[in-house]
Structures are given as C-alpha cells and as structure tokens.
C-alpha cells in the first residue's frame, strides 16, 4: 500500500501544539485592512485551534489519520 501524502497547502497552514491540538491562523487579515477596526485586526492576529467538527478533515489532509 502506498504512503499517505501530506497535502502541501495544509502543511503550510496548520501546526501541531504540544498537547496534540491543531493550530490555525484567522482569515481576513491579509488585505483591505483600512475598513476593519483596530480591535478586530488585533484579535485576528492570534492563533486559534481547529474546531472539533473540522478536525477529521484537517487530520486527513495532514496524513495523521
């Protein structure tokens, strides 16, 4: 049986934490920032974790399943 391959796009976008959770960046922080409030832009800076409903799909893309 062939090896599981990691999706290159997912490899760039997700990282694993020490406890095994999957970290992600927030969307809407790349351009058209003038109309967004400072508070909104600041809160988009921080990392979030992948929601449990998306976890199986992300793990499949990262060849963890």
C-alpha atoms as a PDB file:
ATOM      1  CA  UNK A   1       0.000   0.000   0.000  1.00  0.00           C
ATOM      2  CA  UNK A   2       1.391   3.470  -0.858  1.00  0.00           C
ATOM      3  CA  UNK A   3       2.387   6.026   1.731  1.00  0.00           C
ATOM      4  CA  UNK A   4      -0.095   8.669   2.882  1.00  0.00           C
ATOM      5  CA  UNK A   5       0.895  12.027   1.441  1.00  0.00           C
ATOM      6  CA  UNK A   6       0.518  15.300   3.311  1.00  0.00           C
ATOM      7  CA  UNK A   7      -1.427  17.985   1.470  1.00  0.00           C
ATOM      8  CA  UNK A   8       1.115  20.787   0.779  1.00  0.00           C
ATOM      9  CA  UNK A   9      -1.471  23.546   1.305  1.00  0.00           C
ATOM     10  CA  UNK A  10      -2.464  22.132   4.685  1.00  0.00           C
ATOM     11  CA  UNK A  11       1.184  21.706   5.662  1.00  0.00           C
ATOM     12  CA  UNK A  12       1.679  25.470   5.312  1.00  0.00           C
ATOM     13  CA  UNK A  13      -1.498  26.427   7.181  1.00  0.00           C
ATOM     14  CA  UNK A  14      -1.663  24.166  10.239  1.00  0.00           C
ATOM     15  CA  UNK A  15       0.756  23.345  13.053  1.00  0.00           C
ATOM     16  CA  UNK A  16       0.544  20.903  15.931  1.00  0.00           C
ATOM     17  CA  UNK A  17       0.690  22.005  19.566  1.00  0.00           C
ATOM     18  CA  UNK A  18       2.478  20.045  22.260  1.00  0.00           C
ATOM     19  CA  UNK A  19      -0.798  18.601  23.517  1.00  0.00           C
ATOM     20  CA  UNK A  20      -1.819  17.380  20.048  1.00  0.00           C
ATOM     21  CA  UNK A  21      -4.273  20.127  19.119  1.00  0.00           C
ATOM     22  CA  UNK A  22      -4.057  21.711  15.676  1.00  0.00           C
ATOM     23  CA  UNK A  23      -3.370  25.442  15.463  1.00  0.00           C
ATOM     24  CA  UNK A  24      -4.646  27.662  12.648  1.00  0.00           C
ATOM     25  CA  UNK A  25      -4.476  31.316  11.680  1.00  0.00           C
ATOM     26  CA  UNK A  26      -7.528  33.519  11.363  1.00  0.00           C
ATOM     27  CA  UNK A  27      -8.786  34.583   7.955  1.00  0.00           C
ATOM     28  CA  UNK A  28      -9.455  38.192   6.797  1.00  0.00           C
ATOM     29  CA  UNK A  29      -6.098  39.606   7.953  1.00  0.00           C
ATOM     30  CA  UNK A  30      -4.249  39.860   4.625  1.00  0.00           C
ATOM     31  CA  UNK A  31      -5.651  42.877   2.759  1.00  0.00           C
ATOM     32  CA  UNK A  32      -8.402  45.549   2.779  1.00  0.00           C
ATOM     33  CA  UNK A  33      -7.479  46.359   6.361  1.00  0.00           C
ATOM     34  CA  UNK A  34      -8.442  50.045   6.296  1.00  0.00           C
ATOM     35  CA  UNK A  35     -12.152  49.465   6.896  1.00  0.00           C
ATOM     36  CA  UNK A  36     -11.571  46.997   9.747  1.00  0.00           C
ATOM     37  CA  UNK A  37     -11.317  48.282  13.283  1.00  0.00           C
ATOM     38  CA  UNK A  38      -8.049  48.119  15.202  1.00  0.00           C
ATOM     39  CA  UNK A  39      -9.607  45.784  17.758  1.00  0.00           C
ATOM     40  CA  UNK A  40     -10.807  43.413  15.048  1.00  0.00           C
ATOM     41  CA  UNK A  41      -7.397  43.344  13.349  1.00  0.00           C
ATOM     42  CA  UNK A  42      -5.633  42.767  16.659  1.00  0.00           C
ATOM     43  CA  UNK A  43      -7.892  39.837  17.543  1.00  0.00           C
ATOM     44  CA  UNK A  44      -7.287  38.274  14.112  1.00  0.00           C
ATOM     45  CA  UNK A  45      -3.540  38.287  14.811  1.00  0.00           C
ATOM     46  CA  UNK A  46      -3.665  35.488  17.380  1.00  0.00           C
ATOM     47  CA  UNK A  47      -3.782  31.791  16.554  1.00  0.00           C
ATOM     48  CA  UNK A  48      -6.907  29.732  17.058  1.00  0.00           C
ATOM     49  CA  UNK A  49      -7.482  25.998  17.233  1.00  0.00           C
ATOM     50  CA  UNK A  50      -9.297  23.900  14.661  1.00  0.00           C
ATOM     51  CA  UNK A  51     -12.928  23.239  15.626  1.00  0.00           C
ATOM     52  CA  UNK A  52     -13.784  19.652  16.515  1.00  0.00           C
ATOM     53  CA  UNK A  53     -16.194  19.368  13.565  1.00  0.00           C
ATOM     54  CA  UNK A  54     -13.316  20.117  11.147  1.00  0.00           C
ATOM     55  CA  UNK A  55     -10.706  18.061  12.969  1.00  0.00           C
ATOM     56  CA  UNK A  56     -11.155  14.822  10.995  1.00  0.00           C
ATOM     57  CA  UNK A  57     -10.869  16.608   7.639  1.00  0.00           C
ATOM     58  CA  UNK A  58      -7.727  18.507   8.681  1.00  0.00           C
ATOM     59  CA  UNK A  59      -6.115  15.364  10.095  1.00  0.00           C
ATOM     60  CA  UNK A  60      -6.763  13.564   6.802  1.00  0.00           C
ATOM     61  CA  UNK A  61      -5.082  16.427   4.897  1.00  0.00           C
ATOM     62  CA  UNK A  62      -2.092  16.227   7.240  1.00  0.00           C
ATOM     63  CA  UNK A  63      -1.924  12.418   6.822  1.00  0.00           C
ATOM     64  CA  UNK A  64      -2.500  11.917  10.545  1.00  0.00           C
ATOM     65  CA  UNK A  65      -5.396   9.538  10.019  1.00  0.00           C
END
